[in-house]
Protein backbone atom coordinates (compact mmCIF):
# COMPACT_ATOMS: atom_id res chain seq x y z
CA MET A 1 -85.04 -91.87 -105.15
CA GLU A 2 -81.77 -90.07 -106.11
CA LYS A 3 -82.14 -86.86 -107.65
CA LYS A 4 -80.79 -86.57 -111.18
CA LYS A 5 -78.13 -83.74 -111.92
CA LYS A 6 -79.45 -81.29 -114.35
CA LEU A 7 -76.91 -80.64 -117.46
CA SER A 8 -75.55 -76.91 -117.90
CA GLU A 9 -76.29 -75.29 -120.80
CA LEU A 10 -72.89 -75.16 -121.67
CA THR A 11 -72.57 -78.59 -121.54
CA VAL A 12 -75.71 -79.47 -123.81
CA SER A 13 -74.29 -76.84 -126.23
CA ALA A 14 -71.11 -77.93 -126.39
CA PHE A 15 -72.35 -81.46 -127.23
CA ALA A 16 -74.16 -80.06 -129.83
CA LEU A 17 -71.87 -78.03 -131.36
CA GLY A 18 -70.36 -81.52 -133.25
CA THR A 19 -73.67 -81.69 -135.07
CA PHE A 20 -73.86 -78.03 -135.52
CA GLY A 21 -70.33 -78.70 -137.90
CA ALA A 22 -71.58 -82.04 -138.94
CA GLY A 23 -74.52 -80.43 -140.49
CA ILE A 24 -72.65 -78.11 -142.61
CA TYR A 25 -70.58 -80.69 -143.82
CA TYR A 26 -73.40 -83.61 -144.59
CA SER A 27 -74.81 -80.52 -146.55
CA LEU A 28 -71.79 -80.12 -148.61
CA VAL A 29 -71.38 -83.73 -149.47
CA ASN A 30 -74.85 -85.06 -149.46
CA SER A 31 -76.10 -82.26 -151.66
CA TYR A 32 -73.31 -81.25 -153.92
CA PHE A 33 -70.64 -84.03 -154.28
CA ASN A 34 -72.83 -85.93 -157.04
CA TYR A 35 -73.16 -82.81 -158.85
CA TYR A 36 -69.60 -81.69 -158.34
CA VAL A 37 -68.03 -84.87 -159.91
CA THR A 38 -70.50 -85.17 -162.65
CA ASP A 39 -70.98 -82.02 -163.89
CA ILE A 40 -67.76 -79.86 -162.88
CA ALA A 41 -65.25 -82.66 -162.78
CA GLY A 42 -66.62 -84.16 -165.69
CA VAL A 43 -67.05 -88.02 -164.69
CA ASP A 44 -69.44 -90.10 -166.16
CA SER A 45 -72.28 -90.98 -164.10
CA ASN A 46 -72.22 -94.97 -164.58
CA VAL A 47 -68.56 -95.24 -164.32
CA LEU A 48 -69.04 -92.80 -160.89
CA GLY A 49 -72.38 -95.37 -159.63
CA THR A 50 -70.40 -98.35 -160.06
CA ALA A 51 -67.27 -97.13 -158.43
CA SER A 52 -68.91 -95.75 -155.06
CA PHE A 53 -71.30 -98.39 -154.83
CA ILE A 54 -67.94 -100.52 -154.42
CA VAL A 55 -66.04 -98.16 -152.41
CA ARG A 56 -68.75 -97.45 -149.95
CA LEU A 57 -69.63 -101.09 -149.77
CA LEU A 58 -66.27 -102.36 -148.48
CA PHE A 59 -66.47 -99.41 -146.13
CA VAL A 60 -69.90 -100.87 -144.79
CA ILE A 61 -68.22 -104.06 -143.90
CA ILE A 62 -65.86 -102.38 -141.65
CA THR A 63 -68.16 -100.20 -139.71
CA PRO A 64 -69.20 -102.75 -137.47
CA LEU A 65 -65.59 -103.37 -136.75
CA LEU A 66 -65.08 -99.91 -135.78
CA GLY A 67 -67.73 -100.11 -133.27
CA VAL A 68 -65.61 -102.72 -131.75
CA LEU A 69 -63.00 -100.72 -131.37
CA VAL A 70 -65.34 -98.11 -129.83
CA GLN A 71 -67.20 -100.72 -127.46
CA ASN A 72 -63.76 -101.96 -126.33
CA GLY A 73 -60.97 -98.85 -126.67
CA HIS A 74 -59.40 -97.06 -123.65
CA SER A 75 -57.01 -94.11 -123.26
CA ARG A 76 -55.95 -91.40 -121.23
CA LEU A 77 -58.20 -89.51 -123.98
CA GLY A 78 -61.19 -91.28 -122.94
CA LYS A 79 -63.07 -94.37 -124.13
CA TYR A 80 -65.09 -92.25 -126.74
CA ARG A 81 -63.54 -88.81 -126.96
CA LYS A 82 -60.58 -90.20 -128.34
CA TRP A 83 -62.09 -91.41 -131.72
CA ILE A 84 -62.72 -87.57 -132.07
CA PHE A 85 -59.52 -86.60 -132.01
CA ILE A 86 -58.34 -89.61 -134.44
CA GLY A 87 -61.35 -88.20 -136.87
CA VAL A 88 -61.13 -84.81 -136.86
CA PRO A 89 -57.98 -84.22 -139.10
CA LEU A 90 -58.26 -87.23 -141.42
CA SER A 91 -61.85 -86.27 -142.22
CA ALA A 92 -60.73 -82.48 -142.98
CA LEU A 93 -58.10 -83.84 -145.18
CA PHE A 94 -60.05 -85.95 -147.33
CA THR A 95 -62.92 -83.56 -147.39
CA ILE A 96 -60.64 -81.12 -149.19
CA LEU A 97 -59.42 -83.85 -151.58
CA THR A 98 -62.87 -84.51 -152.35
CA PHE A 99 -63.70 -81.40 -153.90
CA THR A 100 -60.29 -80.67 -155.82
CA THR A 101 -60.07 -81.28 -159.58
CA PHE A 102 -57.72 -83.90 -160.54
CA LYS A 103 -56.86 -84.92 -164.10
CA GLY A 104 -56.74 -88.52 -165.41
CA SER A 105 -58.75 -91.25 -166.88
CA MET A 106 -62.32 -91.82 -166.36
CA VAL A 107 -62.10 -94.83 -164.16
CA PHE A 108 -59.07 -93.33 -162.07
CA LEU A 109 -61.34 -90.15 -161.56
CA ALA A 110 -64.58 -92.02 -160.21
CA VAL A 111 -62.52 -94.38 -158.15
CA PHE A 112 -60.51 -91.20 -156.43
CA TYR A 113 -63.36 -89.08 -155.72
CA SER A 114 -65.45 -92.41 -154.42
CA LEU A 115 -62.56 -93.05 -152.00
CA ALA A 116 -61.65 -89.21 -151.07
CA TYR A 117 -65.54 -89.35 -150.02
CA THR A 118 -65.90 -92.15 -148.51
CA LEU A 119 -62.69 -91.50 -146.39
CA SER A 120 -63.95 -88.02 -145.78
CA SER A 121 -67.10 -89.16 -144.33
CA GLY A 122 -66.07 -92.47 -142.66
CA PHE A 123 -63.95 -90.50 -140.46
CA SER A 124 -66.76 -87.79 -139.66
CA SER A 125 -68.77 -90.98 -138.90
CA ILE A 126 -66.19 -92.12 -136.55
CA CYS A 127 -66.74 -88.51 -134.58
CA GLY A 128 -70.55 -88.96 -134.91
CA ASN A 129 -70.15 -92.49 -133.50
CA ALA A 130 -67.98 -91.13 -130.22
CA GLN A 131 -71.16 -88.57 -129.82
CA MET A 132 -73.82 -90.85 -129.75
CA ALA A 133 -71.83 -92.76 -127.34
CA LEU A 134 -71.17 -89.76 -125.14
CA MET A 135 -74.58 -89.21 -124.96
CA ASN A 136 -75.03 -92.29 -122.45
CA VAL A 137 -71.79 -91.27 -120.61
CA ILE A 138 -72.75 -87.69 -120.06
CA THR A 139 -76.14 -88.73 -118.50
CA ASP A 140 -78.05 -91.41 -117.57
CA ASP A 141 -81.28 -89.13 -117.11
CA PRO A 142 -83.59 -90.03 -120.11
CA SER A 143 -84.92 -85.97 -119.83
CA GLN A 144 -81.26 -85.00 -119.97
CA GLN A 145 -80.50 -87.38 -122.73
CA ARG A 146 -83.96 -85.67 -124.81
CA ARG A 147 -82.25 -82.34 -123.98
CA LEU A 148 -78.98 -83.70 -125.78
CA SER A 149 -80.69 -85.40 -128.60
CA THR A 150 -82.98 -81.96 -129.52
CA ARG A 151 -80.41 -79.57 -129.11
CA ARG A 152 -78.03 -81.66 -131.43
CA SER A 153 -81.06 -81.53 -133.78
CA GLN A 154 -81.71 -77.94 -133.38
CA TYR A 155 -77.95 -77.26 -133.94
CA GLN A 156 -77.83 -79.13 -137.03
CA ASP A 157 -80.76 -77.21 -138.46
CA ILE A 158 -79.11 -73.87 -137.81
CA SER A 159 -76.18 -75.12 -139.57
CA LYS A 160 -78.44 -75.99 -142.30
CA ILE A 161 -79.93 -72.58 -142.37
CA ILE A 162 -76.48 -70.92 -142.74
CA PHE A 163 -75.24 -73.46 -145.15
CA SER A 164 -78.36 -72.88 -147.44
CA ALA A 165 -78.19 -69.16 -147.45
CA THR A 166 -74.56 -68.59 -148.13
CA PHE A 167 -72.90 -71.63 -149.80
CA LEU A 168 -73.82 -70.81 -153.61
CA PRO A 169 -72.99 -67.13 -152.78
CA LEU A 170 -69.70 -68.08 -151.16
CA VAL A 171 -68.67 -70.45 -154.20
CA ALA A 172 -69.51 -67.82 -156.46
CA LEU A 173 -67.54 -65.07 -154.45
CA LEU A 174 -64.39 -67.28 -153.89
CA GLY A 175 -64.32 -68.86 -157.21
CA ASN A 176 -64.70 -65.63 -159.07
CA GLY A 177 -66.52 -67.43 -162.21
CA ASN A 178 -64.68 -70.81 -161.63
CA ASP A 179 -66.97 -72.98 -159.91
CA ALA A 180 -64.02 -75.95 -159.38
CA GLN A 181 -62.15 -73.00 -157.49
CA GLY A 182 -65.14 -71.72 -155.55
CA TYR A 183 -66.15 -75.46 -154.16
CA HIS A 184 -62.65 -76.12 -153.32
CA TRP A 185 -62.38 -73.06 -151.03
CA ALA A 186 -65.85 -73.68 -149.56
CA ALA A 187 -64.99 -77.08 -148.94
CA ILE A 188 -61.57 -76.14 -146.88
CA ILE A 189 -63.86 -73.49 -144.64
CA ILE A 190 -66.31 -76.38 -143.96
CA ALA A 191 -63.78 -78.70 -143.10
CA VAL A 192 -62.23 -76.60 -140.44
CA LEU A 193 -65.74 -75.67 -138.97
CA ALA A 194 -66.85 -79.37 -138.95
CA GLY A 195 -63.44 -80.23 -137.13
CA VAL A 196 -63.84 -77.53 -134.16
CA GLY A 197 -67.33 -78.49 -133.68
CA TYR A 198 -66.57 -82.07 -132.75
CA LEU A 199 -63.76 -80.89 -130.61
CA PHE A 200 -66.05 -78.84 -128.46
CA THR A 201 -67.95 -82.43 -128.16
CA ALA A 202 -65.23 -84.24 -126.81
CA TRP A 203 -64.70 -81.51 -124.54
CA SER A 204 -68.28 -81.72 -123.32
CA GLY A 205 -67.66 -85.53 -122.34
CA LYS A 206 -64.86 -85.00 -120.58
CA GLU A 207 -66.03 -85.36 -117.00
CA GLY A 208 -68.23 -88.63 -117.87
CA ASP A 209 -65.78 -90.69 -120.31
CA ILE A 210 -63.87 -93.16 -119.25
CA TYR A 211 -59.87 -92.66 -118.57
CA ASP A 212 -57.37 -95.00 -118.44
CA THR A 213 -55.81 -93.54 -115.49
CA GLY A 214 -52.49 -95.54 -114.73
CA LYS A 215 -51.13 -99.19 -114.30
CA GLU A 216 -53.09 -99.93 -111.51
CA SER A 217 -56.79 -99.50 -113.20
CA LYS A 218 -55.69 -100.06 -116.50
CA ALA A 219 -56.58 -103.57 -116.36
CA ALA A 220 -59.90 -103.33 -114.63
CA GLU A 221 -60.68 -100.30 -117.02
CA ALA A 222 -59.83 -101.99 -120.03
CA LYS A 223 -61.94 -104.81 -118.88
CA LYS A 224 -65.15 -102.88 -117.89
CA ASN A 225 -67.77 -102.73 -120.61
CA LYS A 226 -65.56 -104.82 -122.89
CA LEU A 227 -67.54 -107.97 -124.68
CA THR A 228 -66.72 -110.63 -126.79
CA GLY A 229 -67.51 -110.91 -130.39
CA LYS A 230 -70.32 -113.18 -129.86
CA GLN A 231 -71.74 -110.98 -127.18
CA MET A 232 -71.86 -107.90 -129.74
CA LEU A 233 -73.47 -110.48 -132.47
CA ASP A 234 -76.20 -111.26 -129.59
CA CYS A 235 -76.73 -107.53 -129.21
CA VAL A 236 -77.82 -107.39 -132.61
CA ILE A 237 -79.52 -110.83 -133.34
CA LYS A 238 -81.43 -110.96 -129.82
CA ASN A 239 -82.60 -107.25 -129.74
CA PRO A 240 -85.62 -106.96 -131.98
CA PRO A 241 -85.90 -103.11 -130.90
CA LEU A 242 -82.22 -102.72 -132.85
CA ILE A 243 -83.34 -104.81 -135.52
CA CYS A 244 -86.15 -102.72 -136.58
CA MET A 245 -84.35 -99.53 -136.30
CA LEU A 246 -81.42 -100.78 -138.53
CA LEU A 247 -83.87 -101.63 -141.29
CA SER A 248 -86.27 -98.67 -140.84
CA GLU A 249 -82.92 -96.26 -140.87
CA THR A 250 -81.32 -97.99 -143.62
CA LEU A 251 -84.69 -97.51 -145.84
CA LYS A 252 -85.02 -94.26 -144.98
CA PHE A 253 -81.31 -92.92 -145.33
CA THR A 254 -80.95 -94.60 -148.76
CA ALA A 255 -84.08 -92.81 -149.76
CA TYR A 256 -83.18 -89.60 -148.31
CA MET A 257 -79.43 -89.94 -149.99
CA ILE A 258 -81.01 -90.51 -153.35
CA PHE A 259 -83.52 -87.44 -152.79
CA ILE A 260 -80.95 -84.93 -151.19
CA CYS A 261 -77.98 -86.28 -153.75
CA SER A 262 -80.06 -85.34 -156.68
CA PHE A 263 -82.46 -82.46 -155.88
CA ALA A 264 -79.60 -80.18 -157.63
CA TYR A 265 -80.64 -82.06 -161.02
CA TYR A 266 -84.29 -81.14 -160.66
CA TYR A 267 -83.67 -77.72 -160.36
CA GLN A 268 -80.88 -77.60 -162.98
CA TYR A 269 -82.89 -79.79 -165.47
CA ILE A 270 -86.54 -79.96 -164.73
CA LEU A 271 -87.17 -76.52 -163.28
CA CYS A 272 -84.34 -74.84 -165.32
CA ASP A 273 -84.00 -72.40 -162.29
CA PHE A 274 -80.54 -73.49 -160.30
CA SER A 275 -80.20 -70.28 -158.56
CA ALA A 276 -83.69 -71.09 -156.62
CA ILE A 277 -82.09 -73.67 -154.60
CA THR A 278 -80.81 -71.08 -152.23
CA LEU A 279 -84.05 -69.57 -151.31
CA THR A 280 -85.52 -73.01 -151.19
CA THR A 281 -83.15 -74.35 -148.77
CA THR A 282 -82.84 -71.54 -146.50
CA ILE A 283 -87.05 -71.41 -146.43
CA ALA A 284 -86.70 -75.27 -145.46
CA SER A 285 -84.10 -75.05 -142.93
CA PHE A 286 -86.04 -72.94 -141.01
CA VAL A 287 -88.65 -75.14 -141.12
CA ALA A 288 -86.47 -77.85 -139.66
CA LEU A 289 -85.39 -75.83 -136.76
CA ALA A 290 -88.88 -74.81 -136.03
CA ALA A 291 -89.61 -78.86 -136.01
CA SER A 292 -86.56 -79.20 -133.80
CA LEU A 293 -87.64 -76.86 -131.45
CA LEU A 294 -91.35 -78.28 -131.30
CA GLY A 295 -89.73 -81.82 -131.06
CA PRO A 296 -89.31 -82.44 -127.18
CA ALA A 297 -93.25 -81.23 -126.80
CA ILE A 298 -93.93 -83.80 -129.64
CA ILE A 299 -91.96 -86.57 -128.41
CA LYS A 300 -93.11 -85.93 -124.67
CA LYS A 301 -96.90 -85.84 -125.99
CA MET A 302 -96.46 -88.56 -129.09
CA GLY A 303 -93.92 -90.88 -127.57
CA THR A 304 -90.49 -91.67 -128.97
CA LYS A 305 -91.92 -94.18 -131.19
CA ASN A 306 -94.98 -92.40 -132.56
CA ALA A 307 -92.75 -88.84 -133.11
CA GLY A 308 -90.46 -91.21 -135.29
CA ILE A 309 -93.34 -92.70 -137.52
CA LEU A 310 -94.59 -89.07 -137.78
CA ALA A 311 -91.42 -87.93 -139.11
CA LEU A 312 -91.35 -90.64 -141.60
CA ALA A 313 -94.69 -89.90 -142.81
CA CYS A 314 -93.41 -86.18 -143.48
CA TYR A 315 -90.61 -87.65 -145.52
CA ALA A 316 -92.86 -89.77 -147.86
CA VAL A 317 -95.51 -87.08 -147.98
CA GLY A 318 -92.70 -84.70 -149.25
CA CYS A 319 -91.92 -86.59 -152.01
CA LEU A 320 -94.76 -88.24 -153.35
CA GLY A 321 -97.24 -85.57 -152.85
CA VAL A 322 -94.79 -83.49 -155.26
CA ARG A 323 -94.64 -86.15 -157.57
CA ILE A 324 -98.43 -86.36 -158.52
CA LEU A 325 -97.91 -82.42 -159.29
CA PRO A 326 -96.64 -80.80 -161.75
CA PRO A 327 -93.35 -79.65 -161.71
CA ASN A 328 -92.98 -75.98 -160.00
CA VAL A 329 -90.83 -74.50 -157.60
CA VAL A 330 -93.28 -73.44 -155.45
CA THR A 331 -94.67 -77.10 -155.28
CA PHE A 332 -91.28 -78.32 -154.78
CA GLY A 333 -90.20 -76.04 -152.25
CA ILE A 334 -93.29 -77.12 -150.23
CA GLY A 335 -92.39 -80.75 -150.53
CA PHE A 336 -88.89 -79.84 -149.50
CA CYS A 337 -89.94 -78.04 -146.54
CA ILE A 338 -92.30 -81.08 -145.42
CA ILE A 339 -89.12 -83.22 -145.69
CA TYR A 340 -87.23 -81.29 -143.84
CA PHE A 341 -89.84 -81.09 -140.84
CA GLY A 342 -89.72 -84.93 -141.01
CA MET A 343 -85.83 -85.04 -141.19
CA SER A 344 -85.59 -82.72 -137.96
CA LEU A 345 -87.89 -84.49 -136.07
CA ASN A 346 -86.55 -87.84 -136.98
CA CYS A 347 -82.90 -86.00 -135.67
CA CYS A 348 -84.74 -85.85 -132.18
CA ALA A 349 -86.80 -89.30 -131.96
CA GLY A 350 -84.19 -91.39 -133.94
CA PRO A 351 -81.00 -91.51 -131.37
CA LEU A 352 -83.63 -91.89 -128.47
CA GLN A 353 -84.75 -95.20 -130.06
CA PHE A 354 -81.53 -96.29 -130.56
CA VAL A 355 -80.77 -95.48 -126.84
CA ASN A 356 -84.11 -97.21 -125.65
CA SER A 357 -83.07 -100.30 -127.92
CA SER A 358 -79.56 -100.13 -125.72
CA LEU A 359 -81.29 -99.73 -122.44
CA TYR A 360 -83.65 -102.55 -123.46
CA TYR A 361 -80.93 -105.06 -124.21
CA GLN A 362 -78.80 -104.07 -120.90
CA SER A 363 -82.05 -104.66 -119.03
CA LYS A 364 -82.32 -108.08 -120.49
CA THR A 365 -78.83 -108.90 -120.19
CA GLY A 366 -77.12 -107.14 -117.86
CA LEU A 367 -74.80 -105.95 -120.21
CA ASP A 368 -73.36 -102.31 -121.18
CA ALA A 369 -73.28 -102.75 -124.88
CA THR A 370 -73.83 -98.80 -125.03
CA GLY A 371 -70.74 -98.07 -127.27
CA PHE A 372 -71.33 -101.00 -129.67
CA ILE A 373 -75.20 -100.31 -129.99
CA MET A 374 -74.97 -96.59 -130.25
CA SER A 375 -71.90 -96.79 -133.04
CA LEU A 376 -74.35 -98.66 -135.02
CA TYR A 377 -76.38 -95.60 -135.35
CA VAL A 378 -74.14 -94.60 -138.26
CA PHE A 379 -74.37 -98.23 -139.67
CA PRO A 380 -77.69 -97.49 -141.64
CA ILE A 381 -76.25 -94.25 -142.78
CA GLN A 382 -73.13 -95.70 -144.65
CA LEU A 383 -75.00 -98.70 -146.05
CA GLY A 384 -78.03 -95.68 -147.31
CA ILE A 385 -74.86 -93.76 -148.59
CA ALA A 386 -73.26 -97.14 -150.33
CA LEU A 387 -76.80 -98.07 -151.72
CA SER A 388 -77.86 -94.71 -152.94
CA SER A 389 -74.72 -94.03 -154.65
CA GLY A 390 -74.94 -96.63 -156.91
CA ILE A 391 -78.89 -96.38 -157.66
CA LEU A 392 -78.68 -92.78 -158.25
CA ASN A 393 -75.79 -93.03 -161.05
CA TRP A 394 -76.97 -96.17 -162.68
CA LEU A 395 -80.65 -94.75 -162.79
CA LEU A 396 -79.30 -91.63 -164.16
CA ALA A 397 -77.20 -93.49 -166.73
CA GLY A 398 -80.23 -95.64 -167.38
CA ILE A 399 -82.24 -92.49 -168.63
CA GLY A 400 -79.70 -91.90 -170.75
CA TYR A 401 -78.21 -88.56 -168.62
CA LYS A 402 -75.48 -86.44 -169.93
CA ALA A 403 -74.11 -83.53 -167.94
CA GLY A 404 -75.38 -80.26 -169.58
CA ILE A 405 -77.87 -81.73 -172.28
CA THR A 406 -81.38 -81.17 -172.46
CA LEU A 407 -83.46 -83.47 -171.00
CA SER A 408 -86.36 -85.20 -173.61
CA ALA A 409 -89.87 -85.62 -172.31
CA ALA A 410 -88.96 -89.36 -171.48
CA GLN A 411 -85.84 -88.49 -169.40
CA THR A 412 -87.74 -85.65 -167.70
CA VAL A 413 -90.64 -88.06 -166.05
CA GLY A 414 -87.46 -90.36 -165.41
CA MET A 415 -85.59 -87.70 -163.73
CA GLN A 416 -88.92 -86.99 -161.71
CA ASN A 417 -89.39 -90.74 -160.61
CA ILE A 418 -85.72 -90.79 -159.70
CA ILE A 419 -85.68 -87.90 -157.57
CA LEU A 420 -89.24 -88.45 -156.10
CA LEU A 421 -91.43 -91.50 -156.47
CA ILE A 422 -88.49 -93.91 -155.88
CA PRO A 423 -87.54 -92.50 -152.32
CA GLY A 424 -91.11 -92.00 -151.61
CA LEU A 425 -92.02 -95.71 -151.71
CA MET A 426 -88.70 -96.27 -149.43
CA PHE A 427 -89.79 -94.24 -147.01
CA VAL A 428 -93.20 -96.01 -147.05
CA ALA A 429 -91.68 -99.12 -146.15
CA ALA A 430 -89.37 -97.34 -143.62
CA ILE A 431 -92.68 -96.42 -141.77
CA ILE A 432 -93.66 -99.94 -141.75
CA ALA A 433 -90.54 -101.14 -140.07
CA ASN A 434 -90.94 -98.46 -137.51
CA ILE A 435 -94.46 -99.47 -136.46
CA ILE A 436 -93.14 -103.04 -135.79
CA TYR A 437 -90.69 -101.47 -133.36
CA PRO A 438 -92.03 -102.55 -130.27
CA LEU A 439 -90.48 -100.29 -127.42
CA SER A 440 -93.63 -97.87 -126.62
CA GLU A 441 -93.77 -95.76 -123.55
CA LYS A 442 -94.94 -97.99 -121.59
CA LYS A 443 -92.59 -100.83 -122.49
CA MET A 444 -89.84 -98.20 -121.50
CA GLY A 445 -91.12 -97.79 -118.63
CA GLU A 446 -91.05 -101.50 -117.68
CA VAL A 447 -87.28 -101.20 -118.89
CA TYR A 448 -86.39 -98.23 -116.50
CA ALA A 449 -88.02 -99.99 -113.75
CA ARG A 450 -85.81 -103.27 -114.29
CA LEU A 451 -82.83 -101.30 -114.51
CA GLN A 452 -83.20 -99.18 -111.21
CA GLU A 453 -84.09 -102.82 -109.64
CA THR A 454 -80.22 -104.03 -110.74
CA LYS A 455 -78.98 -100.49 -109.98
């Protein structure tokens, strides 16, 4: 049997730097976008919820089309890498606009911020699509793919530690008493960091990516791995493991986005201690880093599927356990740490479950749909953001939330249910979908055997 080449540490680290920058970016937009728009830009939560839901839903519809472009595209910049070069500058531009204050009608501002946020995260997701596809291009060795996936998670957790410890102090420093100005300049710094990180990822895949090397090879390279619309549809509907993952990840991301986009309200209005966010999220980020360091051992011991179930269970316990206890900074902090442990472990196991879904389909049909299937990894993210943006703001409007106004007893209970109970129940549903996921370690052994026979 041919011995698999071990990837250099430089290649693995460069690949993961894209996630490092993206981790800082998503910490910004996921944790503070909603709070920024309602409490700093002054947009009504109900109007924002409707605008965000419509805009995000439109983007969800075109996400599979982007997957088609990734699967069937080719260029001198690489089959997948070119999308990083396209996505980086556009994501940076719209990130800055997302955290820039403007004047206008309530509807205009709601639509503007929703569009800016959607385009910002959309182009960042294109970079993420390319990164996920490069995982299969850089190496086909499962142990090396596990290295790439876990290092990606580790770098994301390091980025969260840096963000958690520095963001609010940085906003205060740059704003000098003006929160709007502080968020704006912090967003500029983060947009640049995110872009540079993905450029390192593009470099890491340079040797393995597919090139358009000239006129003689252009037609052959364009045809290689190119799929028809029907074949791409079959990749989903005839791929039970992928269907389970899409369902599980959609439930998980919707729940997580409701939680992470609203926890700032919990500190502001329920705990009445906004400054405690820095310490809590910093500690939780260290816990997440520990989870990513333990991730390879956990996955090796339990298997990818069981590790994914364990990760989702941490999400559920972190939310529901805190909800049944009285509001307290320490209690919420412990729950936050448990959620972050699950999040980090999920970042190790989740991509591998999508890789396995791609390999399963290839072993069944002989078709390499890596680009399309791996690009669908971000589909649940986009759908989850769309659903959560509407659900969260409609629920806030439903309890009569108004920025800066002290909550009544009933509103306090409603706020706790929005932030903890609803996401917790959705995490439980995600666990069930993951349990149904059919690719156990034994099953993947059969898949690898079939692929080896084909080679």
